[in-house]
Amino acid sequence: MTNVLYPRNPARILTTAFKMGISITLALGRDRATGKARPLYFGQGNRIKGMARVWSSAKEEYQQTLIEGHPDASKLLKAENNVRRSFSRILLKTSVKYGNTETKRVKREEGNKKYLNNLWDYSGSRLRDVTKGRYFFPKPVSIELDDGTVVDGYRGSSKIPFYPVRHNHIPELDFADMIRSPLMELKTVFEVWSSAKGCQEVY
C-alpha cells in the first residue's frame, strides 16, 4: 500500500469519534428506555447505576484531566463496557414483544446464538471489513502508564488527549465503533419487521 494519508492527530479524532458514538448510544437508549428497560438507562437507586449516570461520571473525570492540563481519554473509555452492555440489554428487552427470546449479548466464543445476536454479529463484521479497508491510522506506540502498565495508543499533550487503543492495537476498529450502536438499532428494527412478516428464515 502506498501514499496512505494518516490523520494528523489520531488521538483527537478517535476521542471525538468515541464521544460521538457514546452520545448516539445514549440517545438511542433513552428513546427505548420504557417499562422494565427504563432502569438500564436512568438507573435505579444503588442497585442499577444506569447508562446516563455511568457516562456522566466518566465525563466528570475526563473534564478534570482537561483542567489539570493532561487530557486523558481513558477516563471516558472505561465507561464503554457498562454503557454498551446496558444498551444491548435495552434492545433485547424492548424487542421481546416482537418475538425475541434472547436475554443477553452473546459473544462468538460463548456458545449458541439466536437471530438477533447473529444479526448484530454480521453487521459488526461488515463494519470492521469496510473500516479496515478505507480508513487508516498510524501504528500506535507503546506507552508506559504511571502504574507501570504498558498500553498501545497515542500520546497526548496539554490540548490533545492521550488515547489508548482498545481493539487489539487496531485503531481503525476504534473509529468504526462510532456507528456500531445505530447498526444494532437498525438490525433490531429489522428483527421487528421480519417477525411481523414471518421471514426470519431469509437470514
N, C-alpha and C. Protein backbone atom coordinates (compact mmCIF):
# COMPACT_ATOMS: atom_id res chain seq x y z
N MET A 1 0.85 -1.18 0.00
CA MET A 1 0.00 0.00 0.00
C MET A 1 0.88 1.24 0.00
N THR A 2 0.62 2.20 -0.90
CA THR A 2 1.46 3.38 -1.00
C THR A 2 0.61 4.64 -0.85
N ASN A 3 1.28 5.73 -0.49
CA ASN A 3 0.64 7.03 -0.40
C ASN A 3 -0.60 7.02 0.51
N VAL A 4 -0.48 6.35 1.64
CA VAL A 4 -1.58 6.34 2.60
C VAL A 4 -1.52 7.62 3.42
N LEU A 5 -2.64 8.32 3.51
CA LEU A 5 -2.70 9.54 4.29
C LEU A 5 -3.28 9.23 5.67
N TYR A 6 -2.52 9.53 6.69
CA TYR A 6 -2.96 9.31 8.06
C TYR A 6 -3.45 10.62 8.66
N PRO A 7 -4.37 10.55 9.61
CA PRO A 7 -4.80 11.78 10.28
C PRO A 7 -3.66 12.39 11.09
N ARG A 8 -3.63 13.71 11.13
CA ARG A 8 -2.54 14.41 11.81
C ARG A 8 -2.59 14.19 13.32
N ASN A 9 -3.78 14.17 13.87
CA ASN A 9 -3.95 13.99 15.32
C ASN A 9 -4.88 12.80 15.59
N PRO A 10 -4.38 11.58 15.46
CA PRO A 10 -5.25 10.41 15.62
C PRO A 10 -5.92 10.34 16.99
N ALA A 11 -5.21 10.76 18.04
CA ALA A 11 -5.81 10.70 19.37
C ALA A 11 -7.03 11.60 19.47
N ARG A 12 -6.93 12.78 18.89
CA ARG A 12 -8.07 13.71 18.92
C ARG A 12 -9.24 13.16 18.13
N ILE A 13 -8.95 12.62 16.95
CA ILE A 13 -10.02 12.08 16.10
C ILE A 13 -10.71 10.89 16.77
N LEU A 14 -9.94 9.98 17.35
CA LEU A 14 -10.52 8.80 17.98
C LEU A 14 -11.29 9.17 19.24
N THR A 15 -10.81 10.16 19.99
CA THR A 15 -11.55 10.61 21.17
C THR A 15 -12.88 11.23 20.76
N THR A 16 -12.85 12.06 19.72
CA THR A 16 -14.09 12.67 19.23
C THR A 16 -15.05 11.62 18.71
N ALA A 17 -14.53 10.65 17.96
CA ALA A 17 -15.38 9.57 17.43
C ALA A 17 -16.00 8.77 18.57
N PHE A 18 -15.21 8.52 19.61
CA PHE A 18 -15.73 7.76 20.75
C PHE A 18 -16.85 8.52 21.43
N LYS A 19 -16.64 9.81 21.68
CA LYS A 19 -17.67 10.61 22.35
C LYS A 19 -18.95 10.68 21.51
N MET A 20 -18.79 10.80 20.20
CA MET A 20 -19.96 10.81 19.33
C MET A 20 -20.69 9.48 19.37
N GLY A 21 -19.93 8.38 19.35
CA GLY A 21 -20.53 7.05 19.39
C GLY A 21 -21.31 6.81 20.67
N ILE A 22 -20.75 7.24 21.80
CA ILE A 22 -21.45 7.05 23.07
C ILE A 22 -22.67 7.97 23.15
N SER A 23 -22.57 9.18 22.62
CA SER A 23 -23.71 10.10 22.62
C SER A 23 -24.87 9.52 21.81
N ILE A 24 -24.54 8.93 20.66
CA ILE A 24 -25.56 8.28 19.84
C ILE A 24 -26.18 7.10 20.59
N THR A 25 -25.33 6.32 21.26
CA THR A 25 -25.81 5.17 22.02
C THR A 25 -26.77 5.61 23.12
N LEU A 26 -26.42 6.67 23.81
CA LEU A 26 -27.28 7.19 24.87
C LEU A 26 -28.61 7.69 24.32
N ALA A 27 -28.56 8.38 23.19
CA ALA A 27 -29.80 8.90 22.59
C ALA A 27 -30.73 7.76 22.17
N LEU A 28 -30.16 6.73 21.55
CA LEU A 28 -30.97 5.58 21.15
C LEU A 28 -31.51 4.84 22.36
N GLY A 29 -30.67 4.70 23.39
CA GLY A 29 -31.11 4.02 24.60
C GLY A 29 -32.22 4.77 25.31
N ARG A 30 -32.11 6.08 25.36
CA ARG A 30 -33.14 6.90 26.02
C ARG A 30 -34.49 6.74 25.33
N ASP A 31 -34.49 6.70 24.01
CA ASP A 31 -35.75 6.57 23.27
C ASP A 31 -36.44 5.23 23.53
N ARG A 32 -35.66 4.21 23.88
CA ARG A 32 -36.23 2.88 24.09
C ARG A 32 -36.43 2.56 25.58
N ALA A 33 -35.95 3.42 26.45
CA ALA A 33 -35.93 3.09 27.89
C ALA A 33 -37.30 3.29 28.53
N THR A 34 -38.18 2.33 28.27
CA THR A 34 -39.52 2.35 28.86
C THR A 34 -39.76 1.04 29.60
N GLY A 35 -40.71 1.05 30.48
CA GLY A 35 -41.06 -0.17 31.20
C GLY A 35 -39.90 -0.76 31.97
N LYS A 36 -39.70 -2.06 31.83
CA LYS A 36 -38.63 -2.74 32.56
C LYS A 36 -37.24 -2.32 32.09
N ALA A 37 -37.15 -1.73 30.91
CA ALA A 37 -35.85 -1.30 30.39
C ALA A 37 -35.44 0.07 30.93
N ARG A 38 -36.35 0.79 31.56
CA ARG A 38 -36.08 2.15 32.00
C ARG A 38 -34.88 2.26 32.96
N PRO A 39 -34.77 1.38 33.97
CA PRO A 39 -33.62 1.50 34.90
C PRO A 39 -32.27 1.33 34.22
N LEU A 40 -32.22 0.61 33.10
CA LEU A 40 -30.94 0.41 32.42
C LEU A 40 -30.39 1.73 31.87
N TYR A 41 -31.27 2.66 31.62
CA TYR A 41 -30.81 3.97 31.16
C TYR A 41 -30.72 4.97 32.31
N PHE A 42 -31.79 5.10 33.09
CA PHE A 42 -31.85 6.14 34.11
C PHE A 42 -31.27 5.70 35.46
N GLY A 43 -31.11 4.39 35.64
CA GLY A 43 -30.63 3.88 36.92
C GLY A 43 -31.78 3.62 37.88
N GLN A 44 -31.44 2.92 38.96
CA GLN A 44 -32.46 2.61 39.98
C GLN A 44 -31.77 2.46 41.33
N GLY A 45 -31.78 3.53 42.10
CA GLY A 45 -31.13 3.51 43.41
C GLY A 45 -29.65 3.18 43.30
N ASN A 46 -29.17 2.41 44.27
CA ASN A 46 -27.77 1.99 44.27
C ASN A 46 -27.56 0.68 43.52
N ARG A 47 -28.64 0.01 43.19
CA ARG A 47 -28.54 -1.32 42.57
C ARG A 47 -28.18 -1.24 41.10
N ILE A 48 -28.79 -0.32 40.38
CA ILE A 48 -28.52 -0.16 38.94
C ILE A 48 -28.13 1.29 38.70
N LYS A 49 -26.91 1.51 38.26
CA LYS A 49 -26.43 2.88 38.06
C LYS A 49 -27.03 3.51 36.80
N GLY A 50 -27.18 2.73 35.75
CA GLY A 50 -27.77 3.25 34.51
C GLY A 50 -26.75 3.90 33.59
N MET A 51 -27.03 3.83 32.28
CA MET A 51 -26.12 4.36 31.27
C MET A 51 -25.82 5.83 31.47
N ALA A 52 -26.85 6.61 31.73
CA ALA A 52 -26.68 8.06 31.81
C ALA A 52 -25.75 8.45 32.95
N ARG A 53 -25.91 7.82 34.10
CA ARG A 53 -25.07 8.17 35.25
C ARG A 53 -23.63 7.68 35.07
N VAL A 54 -23.48 6.51 34.47
CA VAL A 54 -22.13 5.99 34.21
C VAL A 54 -21.36 6.96 33.32
N TRP A 55 -22.02 7.43 32.26
CA TRP A 55 -21.36 8.34 31.33
C TRP A 55 -21.11 9.71 31.97
N SER A 56 -22.04 10.16 32.78
CA SER A 56 -21.86 11.44 33.45
C SER A 56 -20.64 11.42 34.38
N SER A 57 -20.46 10.33 35.09
CA SER A 57 -19.30 10.20 35.99
C SER A 57 -18.00 10.18 35.19
N ALA A 58 -18.00 9.47 34.06
CA ALA A 58 -16.80 9.40 33.22
C ALA A 58 -16.45 10.78 32.66
N LYS A 59 -17.45 11.52 32.25
CA LYS A 59 -17.21 12.86 31.70
C LYS A 59 -16.62 13.79 32.76
N GLU A 60 -17.08 13.65 33.99
CA GLU A 60 -16.54 14.49 35.06
C GLU A 60 -15.06 14.19 35.30
N GLU A 61 -14.71 12.91 35.27
CA GLU A 61 -13.30 12.55 35.45
C GLU A 61 -12.45 13.07 34.29
N TYR A 62 -12.98 12.96 33.08
CA TYR A 62 -12.26 13.46 31.91
C TYR A 62 -12.10 14.97 31.98
N GLN A 63 -13.15 15.66 32.37
CA GLN A 63 -13.10 17.11 32.47
C GLN A 63 -12.02 17.55 33.45
N GLN A 64 -11.83 16.78 34.51
CA GLN A 64 -10.81 17.12 35.49
C GLN A 64 -9.41 17.03 34.88
N THR A 65 -9.19 16.05 34.01
CA THR A 65 -7.88 15.95 33.36
C THR A 65 -7.64 17.12 32.41
N LEU A 66 -8.71 17.63 31.82
CA LEU A 66 -8.58 18.81 30.97
C LEU A 66 -8.16 20.02 31.81
N ILE A 67 -8.79 20.15 32.95
CA ILE A 67 -8.47 21.27 33.84
C ILE A 67 -7.02 21.20 34.31
N GLU A 68 -6.55 19.97 34.56
CA GLU A 68 -5.19 19.78 35.06
C GLU A 68 -4.14 19.87 33.95
N GLY A 69 -4.58 19.95 32.69
CA GLY A 69 -3.65 20.14 31.59
C GLY A 69 -3.06 18.89 30.99
N HIS A 70 -3.63 17.73 31.32
CA HIS A 70 -3.16 16.49 30.69
C HIS A 70 -4.37 15.62 30.35
N PRO A 71 -5.13 16.01 29.32
CA PRO A 71 -6.35 15.29 28.96
C PRO A 71 -6.10 13.80 28.72
N ASP A 72 -6.97 12.98 29.30
CA ASP A 72 -6.78 11.54 29.29
C ASP A 72 -8.08 10.86 28.88
N ALA A 73 -8.14 10.38 27.63
CA ALA A 73 -9.36 9.76 27.11
C ALA A 73 -9.70 8.45 27.79
N SER A 74 -8.74 7.83 28.48
CA SER A 74 -9.03 6.56 29.16
C SER A 74 -10.11 6.74 30.23
N LYS A 75 -10.27 7.95 30.74
CA LYS A 75 -11.31 8.22 31.72
C LYS A 75 -12.70 8.05 31.10
N LEU A 76 -12.78 8.34 29.80
CA LEU A 76 -14.04 8.15 29.08
C LEU A 76 -14.22 6.69 28.67
N LEU A 77 -13.12 6.09 28.19
CA LEU A 77 -13.19 4.74 27.64
C LEU A 77 -13.63 3.70 28.66
N LYS A 78 -13.32 3.94 29.93
CA LYS A 78 -13.66 2.94 30.94
C LYS A 78 -15.17 2.81 31.15
N ALA A 79 -15.93 3.78 30.65
CA ALA A 79 -17.39 3.70 30.78
C ALA A 79 -18.02 2.89 29.67
N GLU A 80 -17.24 2.57 28.63
CA GLU A 80 -17.82 1.97 27.43
C GLU A 80 -18.52 0.65 27.69
N ASN A 81 -17.88 -0.27 28.39
CA ASN A 81 -18.47 -1.59 28.59
C ASN A 81 -19.84 -1.51 29.25
N ASN A 82 -19.94 -0.69 30.31
CA ASN A 82 -21.21 -0.56 31.01
C ASN A 82 -22.29 0.06 30.13
N VAL A 83 -21.91 1.10 29.39
CA VAL A 83 -22.87 1.78 28.54
C VAL A 83 -23.36 0.87 27.42
N ARG A 84 -22.44 0.20 26.75
CA ARG A 84 -22.85 -0.65 25.62
C ARG A 84 -23.59 -1.91 26.10
N ARG A 85 -23.18 -2.45 27.25
CA ARG A 85 -23.89 -3.61 27.78
C ARG A 85 -25.34 -3.24 28.12
N SER A 86 -25.53 -2.10 28.73
CA SER A 86 -26.89 -1.66 29.06
C SER A 86 -27.70 -1.41 27.80
N PHE A 87 -27.06 -0.84 26.78
CA PHE A 87 -27.77 -0.57 25.54
C PHE A 87 -28.24 -1.87 24.89
N SER A 88 -27.38 -2.87 24.83
CA SER A 88 -27.79 -4.13 24.21
C SER A 88 -28.92 -4.79 25.00
N ARG A 89 -28.88 -4.66 26.32
CA ARG A 89 -29.96 -5.23 27.14
C ARG A 89 -31.27 -4.48 26.91
N ILE A 90 -31.19 -3.16 26.71
CA ILE A 90 -32.39 -2.39 26.40
C ILE A 90 -33.00 -2.86 25.08
N LEU A 91 -32.15 -3.06 24.07
CA LEU A 91 -32.64 -3.54 22.78
C LEU A 91 -33.31 -4.91 22.93
N LEU A 92 -32.68 -5.79 23.68
CA LEU A 92 -33.23 -7.14 23.86
C LEU A 92 -34.56 -7.10 24.61
N LYS A 93 -34.62 -6.30 25.67
CA LYS A 93 -35.85 -6.23 26.47
C LYS A 93 -37.01 -5.63 25.68
N THR A 94 -36.73 -4.59 24.91
CA THR A 94 -37.81 -3.91 24.21
C THR A 94 -38.23 -4.64 22.93
N SER A 95 -37.52 -5.68 22.56
CA SER A 95 -37.92 -6.45 21.38
C SER A 95 -38.57 -7.79 21.74
N VAL A 96 -38.77 -8.03 23.04
CA VAL A 96 -39.39 -9.28 23.48
C VAL A 96 -40.81 -9.41 22.92
N LYS A 97 -41.54 -8.30 22.93
CA LYS A 97 -42.93 -8.36 22.46
C LYS A 97 -43.05 -8.68 20.97
N TYR A 98 -41.91 -8.60 20.27
CA TYR A 98 -41.92 -8.92 18.85
C TYR A 98 -41.37 -10.32 18.57
N GLY A 99 -41.17 -11.08 19.64
CA GLY A 99 -40.74 -12.46 19.47
C GLY A 99 -39.32 -12.77 19.89
N ASN A 100 -38.57 -11.77 20.29
CA ASN A 100 -37.20 -12.03 20.73
C ASN A 100 -37.19 -12.82 22.03
N THR A 101 -36.37 -13.86 22.11
CA THR A 101 -36.28 -14.68 23.32
C THR A 101 -34.89 -14.62 23.94
N GLU A 102 -33.99 -13.82 23.36
CA GLU A 102 -32.64 -13.70 23.90
C GLU A 102 -32.63 -12.66 25.03
N THR A 103 -31.79 -12.91 26.03
CA THR A 103 -31.77 -12.03 27.20
C THR A 103 -30.43 -11.31 27.39
N LYS A 104 -29.40 -11.69 26.62
CA LYS A 104 -28.11 -11.03 26.78
C LYS A 104 -27.33 -11.08 25.47
N ARG A 105 -26.35 -10.20 25.40
CA ARG A 105 -25.44 -10.19 24.25
C ARG A 105 -24.52 -11.39 24.37
N VAL A 106 -24.47 -12.22 23.33
CA VAL A 106 -23.65 -13.43 23.34
C VAL A 106 -22.49 -13.24 22.39
N LYS A 107 -21.27 -13.38 22.88
CA LYS A 107 -20.09 -13.26 22.05
C LYS A 107 -19.86 -14.54 21.26
N ARG A 108 -19.02 -14.44 20.26
CA ARG A 108 -18.79 -15.56 19.35
C ARG A 108 -18.36 -16.83 20.08
N GLU A 109 -17.50 -16.66 21.09
CA GLU A 109 -16.92 -17.82 21.76
C GLU A 109 -17.79 -18.36 22.89
N GLU A 110 -18.95 -17.74 23.13
CA GLU A 110 -19.74 -18.11 24.30
C GLU A 110 -20.83 -19.14 24.02
N GLY A 111 -20.95 -19.58 22.80
CA GLY A 111 -21.92 -20.64 22.55
C GLY A 111 -22.98 -20.25 21.53
N ASN A 112 -24.09 -20.98 21.56
CA ASN A 112 -25.15 -20.82 20.57
C ASN A 112 -25.82 -19.46 20.70
N LYS A 113 -26.13 -18.88 19.53
CA LYS A 113 -26.82 -17.60 19.49
C LYS A 113 -28.05 -17.73 18.63
N LYS A 114 -28.98 -16.82 18.87
CA LYS A 114 -30.20 -16.83 18.07
C LYS A 114 -30.19 -15.65 17.10
N TYR A 115 -31.35 -15.35 16.59
CA TYR A 115 -31.48 -14.46 15.44
C TYR A 115 -30.87 -13.07 15.66
N LEU A 116 -31.25 -12.38 16.74
CA LEU A 116 -30.81 -11.00 16.91
C LEU A 116 -29.30 -10.91 17.16
N ASN A 117 -28.76 -11.79 17.97
CA ASN A 117 -27.31 -11.80 18.18
C ASN A 117 -26.56 -12.08 16.89
N ASN A 118 -27.11 -12.96 16.05
CA ASN A 118 -26.47 -13.24 14.77
C ASN A 118 -26.50 -12.02 13.85
N LEU A 119 -27.61 -11.29 13.86
CA LEU A 119 -27.69 -10.07 13.07
C LEU A 119 -26.66 -9.05 13.53
N TRP A 120 -26.53 -8.90 14.84
CA TRP A 120 -25.54 -7.95 15.38
C TRP A 120 -24.12 -8.35 15.00
N ASP A 121 -23.84 -9.65 15.08
CA ASP A 121 -22.50 -10.12 14.70
C ASP A 121 -22.21 -9.85 13.23
N TYR A 122 -23.19 -10.10 12.40
CA TYR A 122 -22.99 -9.90 10.96
C TYR A 122 -22.73 -8.43 10.64
N SER A 123 -23.54 -7.54 11.22
CA SER A 123 -23.35 -6.11 10.95
C SER A 123 -22.00 -5.65 11.49
N GLY A 124 -21.59 -6.17 12.63
CA GLY A 124 -20.30 -5.80 13.20
C GLY A 124 -19.13 -6.24 12.33
N SER A 125 -19.22 -7.45 11.78
CA SER A 125 -18.13 -7.95 10.94
C SER A 125 -18.04 -7.17 9.64
N ARG A 126 -19.18 -6.80 9.06
CA ARG A 126 -19.16 -5.99 7.84
C ARG A 126 -18.60 -4.61 8.11
N LEU A 127 -18.96 -4.05 9.25
CA LEU A 127 -18.44 -2.73 9.63
C LEU A 127 -16.92 -2.78 9.76
N ARG A 128 -16.42 -3.82 10.39
CA ARG A 128 -14.96 -3.96 10.55
C ARG A 128 -14.27 -4.09 9.19
N ASP A 129 -14.85 -4.89 8.30
CA ASP A 129 -14.24 -5.08 6.99
C ASP A 129 -14.15 -3.78 6.21
N VAL A 130 -15.24 -3.04 6.21
CA VAL A 130 -15.27 -1.78 5.46
C VAL A 130 -14.30 -0.77 6.06
N THR A 131 -14.28 -0.67 7.38
CA THR A 131 -13.45 0.34 8.04
C THR A 131 -11.97 0.05 7.83
N LYS A 132 -11.56 -1.21 7.99
CA LYS A 132 -10.13 -1.53 7.85
C LYS A 132 -9.64 -1.32 6.42
N GLY A 133 -10.55 -1.35 5.45
CA GLY A 133 -10.16 -1.19 4.07
C GLY A 133 -10.20 0.25 3.57
N ARG A 134 -10.80 1.15 4.37
CA ARG A 134 -10.99 2.52 3.87
C ARG A 134 -10.43 3.61 4.77
N TYR A 135 -10.30 3.34 6.05
CA TYR A 135 -9.86 4.36 6.98
C TYR A 135 -8.59 3.89 7.67
N PHE A 136 -7.53 4.68 7.59
CA PHE A 136 -6.23 4.23 8.07
C PHE A 136 -5.67 5.18 9.13
N PHE A 137 -5.08 4.57 10.14
CA PHE A 137 -4.46 5.32 11.23
C PHE A 137 -3.00 4.89 11.37
N PRO A 138 -2.13 5.79 11.84
CA PRO A 138 -0.74 5.39 12.06
C PRO A 138 -0.65 4.32 13.14
N LYS A 139 0.40 3.54 13.10
CA LYS A 139 0.58 2.48 14.09
C LYS A 139 0.69 3.06 15.49
N PRO A 140 -0.08 2.53 16.44
CA PRO A 140 0.03 3.01 17.82
C PRO A 140 1.41 2.71 18.39
N VAL A 141 1.78 3.47 19.40
CA VAL A 141 3.06 3.26 20.06
C VAL A 141 2.83 2.71 21.46
N SER A 142 3.84 2.03 21.99
CA SER A 142 3.75 1.51 23.35
C SER A 142 4.00 2.64 24.34
N ILE A 143 3.09 2.77 25.32
CA ILE A 143 3.17 3.85 26.30
C ILE A 143 3.09 3.25 27.70
N GLU A 144 4.04 3.59 28.54
CA GLU A 144 4.03 3.10 29.91
C GLU A 144 3.26 4.09 30.79
N LEU A 145 2.28 3.57 31.51
CA LEU A 145 1.48 4.42 32.39
C LEU A 145 2.15 4.59 33.74
N ASP A 146 1.58 5.45 34.57
CA ASP A 146 2.17 5.74 35.88
C ASP A 146 2.27 4.50 36.77
N ASP A 147 1.33 3.54 36.58
CA ASP A 147 1.34 2.34 37.41
C ASP A 147 2.22 1.23 36.84
N GLY A 148 2.94 1.53 35.75
CA GLY A 148 3.82 0.54 35.15
C GLY A 148 3.19 -0.26 34.02
N THR A 149 1.88 -0.14 33.86
CA THR A 149 1.20 -0.84 32.78
C THR A 149 1.61 -0.24 31.43
N VAL A 150 1.79 -1.13 30.44
CA VAL A 150 2.14 -0.68 29.10
C VAL A 150 0.95 -0.89 28.17
N VAL A 151 0.56 0.16 27.47
CA VAL A 151 -0.58 0.08 26.55
C VAL A 151 -0.14 0.60 25.19
N ASP A 152 -0.86 0.20 24.16
CA ASP A 152 -0.64 0.74 22.82
C ASP A 152 -1.64 1.87 22.58
N GLY A 153 -1.14 3.00 22.12
CA GLY A 153 -2.04 4.11 21.89
C GLY A 153 -1.32 5.29 21.29
N TYR A 154 -1.88 6.46 21.54
CA TYR A 154 -1.31 7.70 21.01
C TYR A 154 -1.09 8.67 22.16
N ARG A 155 0.09 9.26 22.19
CA ARG A 155 0.42 10.20 23.25
C ARG A 155 -0.39 11.49 23.08
N GLY A 156 -0.60 12.16 24.18
CA GLY A 156 -1.34 13.40 24.15
C GLY A 156 -0.45 14.59 24.45
N SER A 157 -1.09 15.72 24.66
CA SER A 157 -0.39 16.95 25.02
C SER A 157 -1.33 17.73 25.94
N SER A 158 -1.03 18.99 26.15
CA SER A 158 -1.90 19.79 27.01
C SER A 158 -3.25 20.05 26.36
N LYS A 159 -3.33 19.85 25.04
CA LYS A 159 -4.58 20.10 24.32
C LYS A 159 -5.15 18.86 23.65
N ILE A 160 -4.30 17.88 23.38
CA ILE A 160 -4.74 16.65 22.71
C ILE A 160 -4.74 15.51 23.72
N PRO A 161 -5.84 14.77 23.85
CA PRO A 161 -5.91 13.73 24.87
C PRO A 161 -5.03 12.51 24.56
N PHE A 162 -4.49 11.93 25.60
CA PHE A 162 -3.87 10.61 25.49
C PHE A 162 -4.98 9.61 25.18
N TYR A 163 -4.72 8.71 24.22
CA TYR A 163 -5.75 7.76 23.81
C TYR A 163 -5.18 6.35 23.71
N PRO A 164 -5.60 5.43 24.59
CA PRO A 164 -5.19 4.02 24.49
C PRO A 164 -6.11 3.27 23.52
N VAL A 165 -5.53 2.62 22.53
CA VAL A 165 -6.33 1.89 21.53
C VAL A 165 -6.94 0.66 22.18
N ARG A 166 -8.20 0.41 21.89
CA ARG A 166 -8.95 -0.66 22.58
C ARG A 166 -8.99 -1.98 21.82
N HIS A 167 -8.95 -1.93 20.49
CA HIS A 167 -9.22 -3.14 19.70
C HIS A 167 -7.94 -3.81 19.21
N ASN A 168 -7.31 -4.57 20.07
CA ASN A 168 -6.16 -5.38 19.64
C ASN A 168 -5.16 -4.57 18.82
N HIS A 169 -4.91 -3.35 19.24
CA HIS A 169 -3.92 -2.49 18.59
C HIS A 169 -4.32 -2.10 17.17
N ILE A 170 -5.62 -2.18 16.86
CA ILE A 170 -6.11 -1.80 15.53
C ILE A 170 -7.01 -0.57 15.68
N PRO A 171 -6.46 0.62 15.56
CA PRO A 171 -7.24 1.85 15.82
C PRO A 171 -8.41 2.03 14.87
N GLU A 172 -8.33 1.45 13.68
CA GLU A 172 -9.44 1.57 12.73
C GLU A 172 -10.74 1.02 13.32
N LEU A 173 -10.63 -0.01 14.15
CA LEU A 173 -11.82 -0.59 14.76
C LEU A 173 -12.39 0.31 15.85
N ASP A 174 -11.51 1.03 16.54
CA ASP A 174 -11.99 2.03 17.50
C ASP A 174 -12.82 3.08 16.76
N PHE A 175 -12.33 3.50 15.61
CA PHE A 175 -13.04 4.51 14.82
C PHE A 175 -14.40 3.98 14.36
N ALA A 176 -14.44 2.72 13.96
CA ALA A 176 -15.68 2.12 13.46
C ALA A 176 -16.77 2.07 14.52
N ASP A 177 -16.38 1.97 15.78
CA ASP A 177 -17.36 1.86 16.85
C ASP A 177 -18.27 3.07 16.96
N MET A 178 -17.89 4.16 16.31
CA MET A 178 -18.72 5.36 16.33
C MET A 178 -20.14 5.06 15.86
N ILE A 179 -20.30 4.12 14.90
CA ILE A 179 -21.64 3.84 14.35
C ILE A 179 -22.12 2.44 14.69
N ARG A 180 -21.48 1.79 15.66
CA ARG A 180 -21.91 0.42 15.98
C ARG A 180 -23.34 0.39 16.54
N SER A 181 -23.66 1.30 17.43
CA SER A 181 -24.99 1.30 18.05
C SER A 181 -26.11 1.57 17.05
N PRO A 182 -25.96 2.54 16.12
CA PRO A 182 -27.01 2.69 15.12
C PRO A 182 -27.24 1.43 14.29
N LEU A 183 -26.16 0.70 14.00
CA LEU A 183 -26.32 -0.56 13.26
C LEU A 183 -27.08 -1.59 14.09
N MET A 184 -26.79 -1.64 15.38
CA MET A 184 -27.53 -2.57 16.25
C MET A 184 -29.00 -2.19 16.31
N GLU A 185 -29.28 -0.91 16.39
CA GLU A 185 -30.67 -0.44 16.38
C GLU A 185 -31.36 -0.82 15.07
N LEU A 186 -30.65 -0.61 13.96
CA LEU A 186 -31.22 -0.94 12.65
C LEU A 186 -31.53 -2.43 12.55
N LYS A 187 -30.62 -3.28 13.03
CA LYS A 187 -30.84 -4.72 12.97
C LYS A 187 -31.99 -5.14 13.88
N THR A 188 -32.14 -4.44 14.99
CA THR A 188 -33.25 -4.75 15.89
C THR A 188 -34.57 -4.39 15.24
N VAL A 189 -34.61 -3.26 14.58
CA VAL A 189 -35.82 -2.86 13.84
C VAL A 189 -36.11 -3.87 12.73
N PHE A 190 -35.05 -4.35 12.08
CA PHE A 190 -35.24 -5.37 11.05
C PHE A 190 -35.84 -6.64 11.65
N GLU A 191 -35.41 -7.00 12.86
CA GLU A 191 -35.98 -8.17 13.51
C GLU A 191 -37.48 -7.99 13.74
N VAL A 192 -37.86 -6.78 14.18
CA VAL A 192 -39.27 -6.49 14.40
C VAL A 192 -40.05 -6.64 13.10
N TRP A 193 -39.49 -6.06 12.02
CA TRP A 193 -40.15 -6.14 10.72
C TRP A 193 -40.26 -7.58 10.24
N SER A 194 -39.15 -8.34 10.34
CA SER A 194 -39.15 -9.70 9.84
C SER A 194 -40.04 -10.60 10.67
N SER A 195 -40.15 -10.29 11.97
CA SER A 195 -41.04 -11.07 12.82
C SER A 195 -42.48 -10.84 12.40
N ALA A 196 -42.80 -9.58 12.10
CA ALA A 196 -44.17 -9.26 11.66
C ALA A 196 -44.49 -9.91 10.34
N LYS A 197 -43.47 -10.01 9.46
CA LYS A 197 -43.68 -10.59 8.13
C LYS A 197 -43.49 -12.10 8.11
N GLY A 198 -42.95 -12.64 9.24
CA GLY A 198 -42.72 -14.08 9.30
C GLY A 198 -41.61 -14.55 8.38
N CYS A 199 -40.52 -13.73 8.27
CA CYS A 199 -39.49 -14.08 7.29
C CYS A 199 -38.11 -14.16 7.90
N GLN A 200 -37.97 -14.61 9.13
CA GLN A 200 -36.64 -14.73 9.74
C GLN A 200 -35.77 -15.72 8.99
N GLU A 201 -36.37 -16.63 8.27
CA GLU A 201 -35.57 -17.64 7.60
C GLU A 201 -34.76 -17.10 6.44
N VAL A 202 -34.97 -15.84 6.04
CA VAL A 202 -34.20 -15.30 4.93
C VAL A 202 -32.77 -15.00 5.36
N TYR A 203 -32.54 -14.86 6.66
CA TYR A 203 -31.18 -14.53 7.10
C TYR A 203 -30.28 -15.74 7.03
